Amino acid sequence: MGRKKLAALGASGLLALCALSSPFAQGEVSQKDGVRVTVNASLAPKRLPRRGTAPVSVSVAGQISPLGKGSLPQLRTMQIELNSAGKLDFKGIPHCRINHINPSTDTEAMEACGDSLIGEGNFSANVLLPEQSPFPSEGELLAFNGQIGRRPAIFAHIYGTKPLPTSYVFAFRMRRAKGTFGSVLEASFPKATGEWGYITAISLKLNKRLVRAGCPAPRGLTRVPFPLARTSFDFDGGLSITNTLTRSCEAEG
């Protein structure tokens, strides 16, 4: 959007635009034991083959916030389950080694593993500083194709510059499942992250290089709703919050 259009929007228009562009603007909210989790997911393009598959991108975002003035529990695991009408195909994509990107800046990570890039996103956290209130920090997330014990994995590299340069890599282990959701990605966050801060938001967009999907609508129907993704956030103390995100696709052919 050009500068003239931005100026014409005015302050209220800019605020509305920011709200609409936020990955959580139309998210689904769950609240439990003093914690609110807002999640959103999308698929592009929405017009897909009725039979077979085509390249797509899938975006999933989660935001964690306390209810009232309470403190957040530490996030321990995050799980993303994707509909079985799609699949993650890692074949032909070079592998990135975790020691090549940890620690590193985002520029250094791209120089080391750019040919393994399969997605991107953002993160935010409340960074813990000695004798100070938590400091909000934001940064980019880069997703690289990797392996753990010869099994497919996604290495999520995060890098932030405030209050201090911080580099961290966590892995989404991938497994197949039967039923509505056919691909499961699960990341664990060790207790050591408690010394660094509390994760408050993560967004991840897997690109068309990795994901293929179809829209298996019954004959006679073109547009159908379907459960695109199911997310689970597990926290210290046994708290678990799960959301299923229903979206729609258009069948072609």
C-alpha atoms as a PDB file:
ATOM      1  CA  MET A   1       0.000   0.000   0.000  1.00  0.00           C
ATOM      2  CA  GLY A   2       1.410   3.420  -1.010  1.00  0.00           C
ATOM      3  CA  ARG A   3       2.073   6.344   1.298  1.00  0.00           C
ATOM      4  CA  LYS A   4      -0.869   8.361  -0.088  1.00  0.00           C
ATOM      5  CA  LYS A   5      -3.325   5.568   0.701  1.00  0.00           C
ATOM      6  CA  LEU A   6      -1.873   5.145   4.191  1.00  0.00           C
ATOM      7  CA  ALA A   7      -2.211   8.891   4.827  1.00  0.00           C
ATOM      8  CA  ALA A   8      -5.809   8.839   3.618  1.00  0.00           C
ATOM      9  CA  LEU A   9      -6.704   6.091   6.067  1.00  0.00           C
ATOM     10  CA  GLY A  10      -5.948   8.230   9.102  1.00  0.00           C
ATOM     11  CA  ALA A  11      -5.195   6.909  12.593  1.00  0.00           C
ATOM     12  CA  SER A  12      -8.488   5.054  13.047  1.00  0.00           C
ATOM     13  CA  GLY A  13      -8.198   3.468   9.614  1.00  0.00           C
ATOM     14  CA  LEU A  14      -4.665   2.311  10.296  1.00  0.00           C
ATOM     15  CA  LEU A  15      -5.750   0.692  13.549  1.00  0.00           C
ATOM     16  CA  ALA A  16      -8.557  -1.116  11.753  1.00  0.00           C
ATOM     17  CA  LEU A  17      -6.159  -2.255   9.027  1.00  0.00           C
ATOM     18  CA  CYS A  18      -3.690  -3.603  11.600  1.00  0.00           C
ATOM     19  CA  ALA A  19      -6.483  -5.478  13.358  1.00  0.00           C
ATOM     20  CA  LEU A  20      -7.653  -7.086  10.111  1.00  0.00           C
ATOM     21  CA  SER A  21      -4.101  -8.070   9.093  1.00  0.00           C
ATOM     22  CA  SER A  22      -3.341  -9.698  12.456  1.00  0.00           C
ATOM     23  CA  PRO A  23      -3.250 -13.520  12.300  1.00  0.00           C
ATOM     24  CA  PHE A  24      -5.445 -13.511  15.412  1.00  0.00           C
ATOM     25  CA  ALA A  25      -8.064 -10.996  14.189  1.00  0.00           C
ATOM     26  CA  GLN A  26     -10.596 -13.713  13.390  1.00  0.00           C
ATOM     27  CA  GLY A  27      -9.128 -16.424  15.558  1.00  0.00           C
ATOM     28  CA  GLU A  28     -10.925 -18.887  17.786  1.00  0.00           C
ATOM     29  CA  VAL A  29     -10.572 -18.380  21.520  1.00  0.00           C
ATOM     30  CA  SER A  30     -10.426 -20.918  24.356  1.00  0.00           C
ATOM     31  CA  GLN A  31     -10.057 -20.016  28.034  1.00  0.00           C
ATOM     32  CA  LYS A  32      -9.131 -22.311  30.891  1.00  0.00           C
ATOM     33  CA  ASP A  33      -7.572 -21.943  34.358  1.00  0.00           C
ATOM     34  CA  GLY A  34      -6.563 -18.314  33.861  1.00  0.00           C
ATOM     35  CA  VAL A  35      -5.065 -18.788  30.376  1.00  0.00           C
ATOM     36  CA  ARG A  36      -6.493 -17.628  27.051  1.00  0.00           C
ATOM     37  CA  VAL A  37      -5.345 -19.226  23.792  1.00  0.00           C
ATOM     38  CA  THR A  38      -6.318 -17.660  20.457  1.00  0.00           C
ATOM     39  CA  VAL A  39      -5.631 -19.715  17.327  1.00  0.00           C
ATOM     40  CA  ASN A  40      -6.116 -19.206  13.623  1.00  0.00           C
ATOM     41  CA  ALA A  41      -5.381 -21.180  10.469  1.00  0.00           C
ATOM     42  CA  SER A  42      -5.693 -20.654   6.733  1.00  0.00           C
ATOM     43  CA  LEU A  43      -5.181 -22.454   3.445  1.00  0.00           C
ATOM     44  CA  ALA A  44      -4.145 -20.943   0.098  1.00  0.00           C
ATOM     45  CA  PRO A  45      -5.358 -21.381  -2.523  1.00  0.00           C
ATOM     46  CA  LYS A  46      -8.828 -22.531  -1.463  1.00  0.00           C
ATOM     47  CA  ARG A  47      -9.720 -23.873  -4.926  1.00  0.00           C
ATOM     48  CA  LEU A  48      -8.239 -27.384  -5.125  1.00  0.00           C
ATOM     49  CA  PRO A  49      -8.657 -30.579  -7.160  1.00  0.00           C
ATOM     50  CA  ARG A  50     -11.620 -32.798  -6.281  1.00  0.00           C
ATOM     51  CA  ARG A  51      -9.330 -35.760  -7.013  1.00  0.00           C
ATOM     52  CA  GLY A  52      -5.610 -35.729  -6.358  1.00  0.00           C
ATOM     53  CA  THR A  53      -3.650 -32.883  -4.821  1.00  0.00           C
ATOM     54  CA  ALA A  54      -2.028 -29.549  -5.690  1.00  0.00           C
ATOM     55  CA  PRO A  55       0.622 -27.404  -3.947  1.00  0.00           C
ATOM     56  CA  VAL A  56      -0.773 -25.256  -1.107  1.00  0.00           C
ATOM     57  CA  SER A  57       0.476 -23.169   1.775  1.00  0.00           C
ATOM     58  CA  VAL A  58      -0.898 -23.667   5.277  1.00  0.00           C
ATOM     59  CA  SER A  59      -0.661 -21.070   8.042  1.00  0.00           C
ATOM     60  CA  VAL A  60      -1.236 -21.746  11.750  1.00  0.00           C
ATOM     61  CA  ALA A  61      -0.919 -19.151  14.515  1.00  0.00           C
ATOM     62  CA  GLY A  62      -1.336 -19.335  18.271  1.00  0.00           C
ATOM     63  CA  GLN A  63      -1.391 -16.544  20.854  1.00  0.00           C
ATOM     64  CA  ILE A  64      -1.155 -17.122  24.626  1.00  0.00           C
ATOM     65  CA  SER A  65      -2.231 -14.540  27.188  1.00  0.00           C
ATOM     66  CA  PRO A  66      -3.218 -14.495  30.863  1.00  0.00           C
ATOM     67  CA  LEU A  67      -6.736 -13.700  31.991  1.00  0.00           C
ATOM     68  CA  GLY A  68      -6.593 -10.555  34.092  1.00  0.00           C
ATOM     69  CA  LYS A  69      -3.273  -9.784  35.740  1.00  0.00           C
ATOM     70  CA  GLY A  70      -2.220 -13.358  36.376  1.00  0.00           C
ATOM     71  CA  SER A  71       1.069 -14.856  35.196  1.00  0.00           C
ATOM     72  CA  LEU A  72       1.442 -17.371  32.399  1.00  0.00           C
ATOM     73  CA  PRO A  73       2.480 -20.992  32.962  1.00  0.00           C
ATOM     74  CA  GLN A  74       5.368 -22.234  30.857  1.00  0.00           C
ATOM     75  CA  LEU A  75       4.430 -23.745  27.491  1.00  0.00           C
ATOM     76  CA  ARG A  76       5.838 -27.278  27.352  1.00  0.00           C
ATOM     77  CA  THR A  77       4.507 -28.786  24.105  1.00  0.00           C
ATOM     78  CA  MET A  78       2.709 -27.502  21.027  1.00  0.00           C
ATOM     79  CA  GLN A  79       0.985 -29.866  18.608  1.00  0.00           C
ATOM     80  CA  ILE A  80      -0.409 -29.110  15.151  1.00  0.00           C
ATOM     81  CA  GLU A  81      -2.516 -31.731  13.371  1.00  0.00           C
ATOM     82  CA  LEU A  82      -3.352 -31.208   9.689  1.00  0.00           C
ATOM     83  CA  ASN A  83      -6.281 -32.664   7.764  1.00  0.00           C
ATOM     84  CA  SER A  84      -5.655 -36.001   6.043  1.00  0.00           C
ATOM     85  CA  ALA A  85      -6.789 -34.522   2.688  1.00  0.00           C
ATOM     86  CA  GLY A  86      -3.352 -32.933   2.594  1.00  0.00           C
ATOM     87  CA  LYS A  87       0.136 -34.263   3.099  1.00  0.00           C
ATOM     88  CA  LEU A  88       3.603 -33.047   3.896  1.00  0.00           C
ATOM     89  CA  ASP A  89       6.049 -34.244   1.253  1.00  0.00           C
ATOM     90  CA  PHE A  90       9.690 -33.838   2.299  1.00  0.00           C
ATOM     91  CA  LYS A  91      11.101 -35.720  -0.716  1.00  0.00           C
ATOM     92  CA  GLY A  92      13.708 -33.877  -2.735  1.00  0.00           C
ATOM     93  CA  ILE A  93      14.188 -31.080  -0.178  1.00  0.00           C
ATOM     94  CA  PRO A  94      17.749 -30.849   1.205  1.00  0.00           C
ATOM     95  CA  HIS A  95      18.221 -31.424   4.942  1.00  0.00           C
ATOM     96  CA  CYS A  96      19.458 -28.728   7.287  1.00  0.00           C
ATOM     97  CA  ARG A  97      21.618 -29.727  10.241  1.00  0.00           C
ATOM     98  CA  ILE A  98      20.619 -28.145  13.517  1.00  0.00           C
ATOM     99  CA  ASN A  99      24.215 -27.304  14.454  1.00  0.00           C
ATOM    100  CA  HIS A 100      24.455 -25.180  11.293  1.00  0.00           C
ATOM    101  CA  ILE A 101      21.762 -22.780  12.531  1.00  0.00           C
ATOM    102  CA  ASN A 102      22.082 -22.891  16.315  1.00  0.00           C
ATOM    103  CA  PRO A 103      23.179 -20.348  17.359  1.00  0.00           C
ATOM    104  CA  SER A 104      22.913 -17.920  14.445  1.00  0.00           C
ATOM    105  CA  THR A 105      21.197 -14.789  13.260  1.00  0.00           C
ATOM    106  CA  ASP A 106      18.392 -15.177  10.727  1.00  0.00           C
ATOM    107  CA  THR A 107      20.787 -14.021   7.991  1.00  0.00           C
ATOM    108  CA  GLU A 108      23.388 -16.593   9.005  1.00  0.00           C
ATOM    109  CA  ALA A 109      20.714 -19.315   9.167  1.00  0.00           C
ATOM    110  CA  MET A 110      19.619 -18.526   5.606  1.00  0.00           C
ATOM    111  CA  GLU A 111      23.208 -18.562   4.392  1.00  0.00           C
ATOM    112  CA  ALA A 112      23.719 -22.000   5.954  1.00  0.00           C
ATOM    113  CA  CYS A 113      20.365 -23.645   5.094  1.00  0.00           C
ATOM    114  CA  GLY A 114      18.507 -21.428   2.640  1.00  0.00           C
ATOM    115  CA  ASP A 115      17.996 -24.321   0.211  1.00  0.00           C
ATOM    116  CA  SER A 116      16.175 -26.203   3.032  1.00  0.00           C
ATOM    117  CA  LEU A 117      13.688 -23.409   3.805  1.00  0.00           C
ATOM    118  CA  ILE A 118      10.096 -24.722   3.899  1.00  0.00           C
ATOM    119  CA  GLY A 119       8.299 -22.000   5.840  1.00  0.00           C
ATOM    120  CA  GLU A 120       8.448 -18.870   7.940  1.00  0.00           C
ATOM    121  CA  GLY A 121       6.612 -17.027  10.661  1.00  0.00           C
ATOM    122  CA  ASN A 122       7.006 -14.942  13.789  1.00  0.00           C
ATOM    123  CA  PHE A 123       7.267 -15.358  17.527  1.00  0.00           C
ATOM    124  CA  SER A 124       6.859 -13.190  20.577  1.00  0.00           C
ATOM    125  CA  ALA A 125       7.838 -13.768  24.180  1.00  0.00           C
ATOM    126  CA  ASN A 126       8.157 -12.074  27.535  1.00  0.00           C
ATOM    127  CA  VAL A 127      11.879 -12.212  28.233  1.00  0.00           C
ATOM    128  CA  LEU A 128      12.922 -12.569  31.861  1.00  0.00           C
ATOM    129  CA  LEU A 129      15.519 -10.098  33.087  1.00  0.00           C
ATOM    130  CA  PRO A 130      17.094 -10.089  36.590  1.00  0.00           C
ATOM    131  CA  GLU A 131      15.235  -7.807  39.008  1.00  0.00           C
ATOM    132  CA  GLN A 132      13.038  -6.384  36.204  1.00  0.00           C
ATOM    133  CA  SER A 133       9.586  -6.895  34.811  1.00  0.00           C
ATOM    134  CA  PRO A 134       9.370  -9.220  31.780  1.00  0.00           C
ATOM    135  CA  PHE A 135      10.511  -7.494  28.600  1.00  0.00           C
ATOM    136  CA  PRO A 136       8.419  -8.099  25.434  1.00  0.00           C
ATOM    137  CA  SER A 137      10.459  -9.451  22.542  1.00  0.00           C
ATOM    138  CA  GLU A 138       9.524 -10.260  18.953  1.00  0.00           C
ATOM    139  CA  GLY A 139      11.376 -11.841  16.072  1.00  0.00           C
ATOM    140  CA  GLU A 140      11.251 -13.892  12.927  1.00  0.00           C
ATOM    141  CA  LEU A 141      10.840 -17.637  12.695  1.00  0.00           C
ATOM    142  CA  LEU A 142      12.419 -19.596   9.855  1.00  0.00           C
ATOM    143  CA  ALA A 143      11.398 -23.210   9.228  1.00  0.00           C
ATOM    144  CA  PHE A 144      13.923 -25.615   7.707  1.00  0.00           C
ATOM    145  CA  ASN A 145      13.632 -29.220   6.569  1.00  0.00           C
ATOM    146  CA  GLY A 146      15.508 -31.513   8.940  1.00  0.00           C
ATOM    147  CA  GLN A 147      15.727 -35.005  10.333  1.00  0.00           C
ATOM    148  CA  ILE A 148      15.809 -36.516  13.812  1.00  0.00           C
ATOM    149  CA  GLY A 149      16.849 -40.154  13.810  1.00  0.00           C
ATOM    150  CA  ARG A 150      16.089 -40.439  10.070  1.00  0.00           C
ATOM    151  CA  ARG A 151      12.530 -39.259  10.661  1.00  0.00           C
ATOM    152  CA  PRO A 152      11.267 -35.998   9.133  1.00  0.00           C
ATOM    153  CA  ALA A 153      11.306 -32.896  11.304  1.00  0.00           C
ATOM    154  CA  ILE A 154      10.963 -29.153  10.948  1.00  0.00           C
ATOM    155  CA  PHE A 155      13.638 -27.028  12.626  1.00  0.00           C
ATOM    156  CA  ALA A 156      12.100 -23.733  13.750  1.00  0.00           C
ATOM    157  CA  HIS A 157      14.821 -21.094  14.110  1.00  0.00           C
ATOM    158  CA  ILE A 158      13.886 -17.965  16.044  1.00  0.00           C
ATOM    159  CA  TYR A 159      15.987 -14.854  16.357  1.00  0.00           C
ATOM    160  CA  GLY A 160      15.298 -11.663  18.261  1.00  0.00           C
ATOM    161  CA  THR A 161      17.412  -8.585  18.978  1.00  0.00           C
ATOM    162  CA  LYS A 162      15.675  -7.080  22.032  1.00  0.00           C
ATOM    163  CA  PRO A 163      16.525  -6.781  24.860  1.00  0.00           C
ATOM    164  CA  LEU A 164      19.582  -8.823  23.814  1.00  0.00           C
ATOM    165  CA  PRO A 165      20.328 -10.852  20.663  1.00  0.00           C
ATOM    166  CA  THR A 166      18.727 -14.260  21.194  1.00  0.00           C
ATOM    167  CA  SER A 167      18.909 -17.336  18.976  1.00  0.00           C
ATOM    168  CA  TYR A 168      17.007 -20.545  19.647  1.00  0.00           C
ATOM    169  CA  VAL A 169      16.006 -23.621  17.635  1.00  0.00           C
ATOM    170  CA  PHE A 170      13.251 -26.078  18.493  1.00  0.00           C
ATOM    171  CA  ALA A 171      12.112 -29.048  16.435  1.00  0.00           C
ATOM    172  CA  PHE A 172       8.657 -30.056  15.266  1.00  0.00           C
ATOM    173  CA  ARG A 173       8.785 -33.840  15.036  1.00  0.00           C
ATOM    174  CA  MET A 174       6.489 -35.190  12.334  1.00  0.00           C
ATOM    175  CA  ARG A 175       4.447 -38.417  12.352  1.00  0.00           C
ATOM    176  CA  ARG A 176       1.586 -39.872  10.355  1.00  0.00           C
ATOM    177  CA  ALA A 177      -1.806 -40.583  11.902  1.00  0.00           C
ATOM    178  CA  LYS A 178      -5.072 -42.248  10.876  1.00  0.00           C
ATOM    179  CA  GLY A 179      -8.456 -40.562  10.831  1.00  0.00           C
ATOM    180  CA  THR A 180      -9.460 -36.947  10.211  1.00  0.00           C
ATOM    181  CA  PHE A 181      -5.972 -35.566  10.808  1.00  0.00           C
ATOM    182  CA  GLY A 182      -3.211 -37.333   8.914  1.00  0.00           C
ATOM    183  CA  SER A 183      -0.058 -35.321   9.700  1.00  0.00           C
ATOM    184  CA  VAL A 184       0.988 -34.454  13.246  1.00  0.00           C
ATOM    185  CA  LEU A 185       3.715 -31.935  14.149  1.00  0.00           C
ATOM    186  CA  GLU A 186       4.792 -31.734  17.786  1.00  0.00           C
ATOM    187  CA  ALA A 187       7.386 -29.485  19.410  1.00  0.00           C
ATOM    188  CA  SER A 188       8.673 -29.723  22.980  1.00  0.00           C
ATOM    189  CA  PHE A 189      10.020 -26.776  24.917  1.00  0.00           C
ATOM    190  CA  PRO A 190      12.527 -27.783  27.631  1.00  0.00           C
ATOM    191  CA  LYS A 191      12.445 -26.336  31.113  1.00  0.00           C
ATOM    192  CA  ALA A 192      15.594 -24.414  30.207  1.00  0.00           C
ATOM    193  CA  THR A 193      13.433 -21.955  28.261  1.00  0.00           C
ATOM    194  CA  GLY A 194      12.055 -20.801  31.617  1.00  0.00           C
ATOM    195  CA  GLU A 195      15.352 -19.025  32.190  1.00  0.00           C
ATOM    196  CA  TRP A 196      14.867 -17.138  28.925  1.00  0.00           C
ATOM    197  CA  GLY A 197      11.203 -16.218  28.894  1.00  0.00           C
ATOM    198  CA  TYR A 198       7.573 -17.100  28.311  1.00  0.00           C
ATOM    199  CA  ILE A 199       6.404 -17.738  24.762  1.00  0.00           C
ATOM    200  CA  THR A 200       3.327 -15.608  24.065  1.00  0.00           C
ATOM    201  CA  ALA A 201       2.741 -16.164  20.327  1.00  0.00           C
ATOM    202  CA  ILE A 202       3.915 -18.313  17.435  1.00  0.00           C
ATOM    203  CA  SER A 203       2.898 -18.223  13.791  1.00  0.00           C
ATOM    204  CA  LEU A 204       4.092 -20.719  11.188  1.00  0.00           C
ATOM    205  CA  LYS A 205       3.392 -20.759   7.443  1.00  0.00           C
ATOM    206  CA  LEU A 206       4.428 -23.927   5.604  1.00  0.00           C
ATOM    207  CA  ASN A 207       4.963 -23.152   1.930  1.00  0.00           C
ATOM    208  CA  LYS A 208       3.886 -24.850  -1.289  1.00  0.00           C
ATOM    209  CA  ARG A 209       7.231 -26.566  -1.578  1.00  0.00           C
ATOM    210  CA  LEU A 210       6.229 -28.880   1.270  1.00  0.00           C
ATOM    211  CA  VAL A 211       2.423 -29.142   1.366  1.00  0.00           C
ATOM    212  CA  ARG A 212      -0.030 -30.699  -1.098  1.00  0.00           C
ATOM    213  CA  ALA A 213      -3.794 -30.972  -0.609  1.00  0.00           C
ATOM    214  CA  GLY A 214      -7.082 -31.648  -2.350  1.00  0.00           C
ATOM    215  CA  CYS A 215     -10.723 -30.747  -1.724  1.00  0.00           C
ATOM    216  CA  PRO A 216     -12.582 -34.101  -1.705  1.00  0.00           C
ATOM    217  CA  ALA A 217     -16.087 -32.607  -1.863  1.00  0.00           C
ATOM    218  CA  PRO A 218     -18.950 -34.988  -2.695  1.00  0.00           C
ATOM    219  CA  ARG A 219     -20.158 -34.816  -6.300  1.00  0.00           C
ATOM    220  CA  GLY A 220     -22.708 -32.050  -6.702  1.00  0.00           C
ATOM    221  CA  LEU A 221     -21.073 -29.820  -4.090  1.00  0.00           C
ATOM    222  CA  THR A 222     -18.432 -27.230  -4.891  1.00  0.00           C
ATOM    223  CA  ARG A 223     -17.723 -25.463  -1.607  1.00  0.00           C
ATOM    224  CA  VAL A 224     -17.462 -27.525   1.586  1.00  0.00           C
ATOM    225  CA  PRO A 225     -16.353 -26.873   5.184  1.00  0.00           C
ATOM    226  CA  PHE A 226     -13.725 -29.167   6.662  1.00  0.00           C
ATOM    227  CA  PRO A 227     -11.529 -29.347   9.798  1.00  0.00           C
ATOM    228  CA  LEU A 228      -8.251 -27.871   8.526  1.00  0.00           C
ATOM    229  CA  ALA A 229      -6.210 -28.172  11.715  1.00  0.00           C
ATOM    230  CA  ARG A 230      -6.338 -29.085  15.379  1.00  0.00           C
ATOM    231  CA  THR A 231      -3.942 -27.411  17.803  1.00  0.00           C
ATOM    232  CA  SER A 232      -2.987 -28.396  21.340  1.00  0.00           C
ATOM    233  CA  PHE A 233      -0.998 -26.341  23.850  1.00  0.00           C
ATOM    234  CA  ASP A 234       0.245 -28.128  26.987  1.00  0.00           C
ATOM    235  CA  PHE A 235       1.556 -26.137  29.944  1.00  0.00           C
ATOM    236  CA  ASP A 236       3.322 -26.705  33.249  1.00  0.00           C
ATOM    237  CA  GLY A 237       0.962 -28.045  35.875  1.00  0.00           C
ATOM    238  CA  GLY A 238      -0.996 -30.269  33.490  1.00  0.00           C
ATOM    239  CA  LEU A 239      -3.076 -27.558  31.771  1.00  0.00           C
ATOM    240  CA  SER A 240      -3.969 -28.444  28.165  1.00  0.00           C
ATOM    241  CA  ILE A 241      -5.950 -26.324  25.679  1.00  0.00           C
ATOM    242  CA  THR A 242      -7.113 -27.746  22.327  1.00  0.00           C
ATOM    243  CA  ASN A 243      -8.843 -26.073  19.366  1.00  0.00           C
ATOM    244  CA  THR A 244     -10.190 -27.431  16.091  1.00  0.00           C
ATOM    245  CA  LEU A 245     -10.218 -24.924  13.229  1.00  0.00           C
ATOM    246  CA  THR A 246     -12.829 -25.445  10.509  1.00  0.00           C
ATOM    247  CA  ARG A 247     -12.297 -23.775   7.136  1.00  0.00           C
ATOM    248  CA  SER A 248     -13.690 -24.251   3.613  1.00  0.00           C
ATOM    249  CA  CYS A 249     -12.343 -25.267   0.205  1.00  0.00           C
ATOM    250  CA  GLU A 250     -13.683 -25.201  -3.349  1.00  0.00           C
ATOM    251  CA  ALA A 251     -13.550 -28.406  -5.379  1.00  0.00           C
ATOM    252  CA  GLU A 252     -12.291 -28.193  -8.947  1.00  0.00           C
ATOM    253  CA  GLY A 253     -13.107 -30.876 -11.490  1.00  0.00           C
END
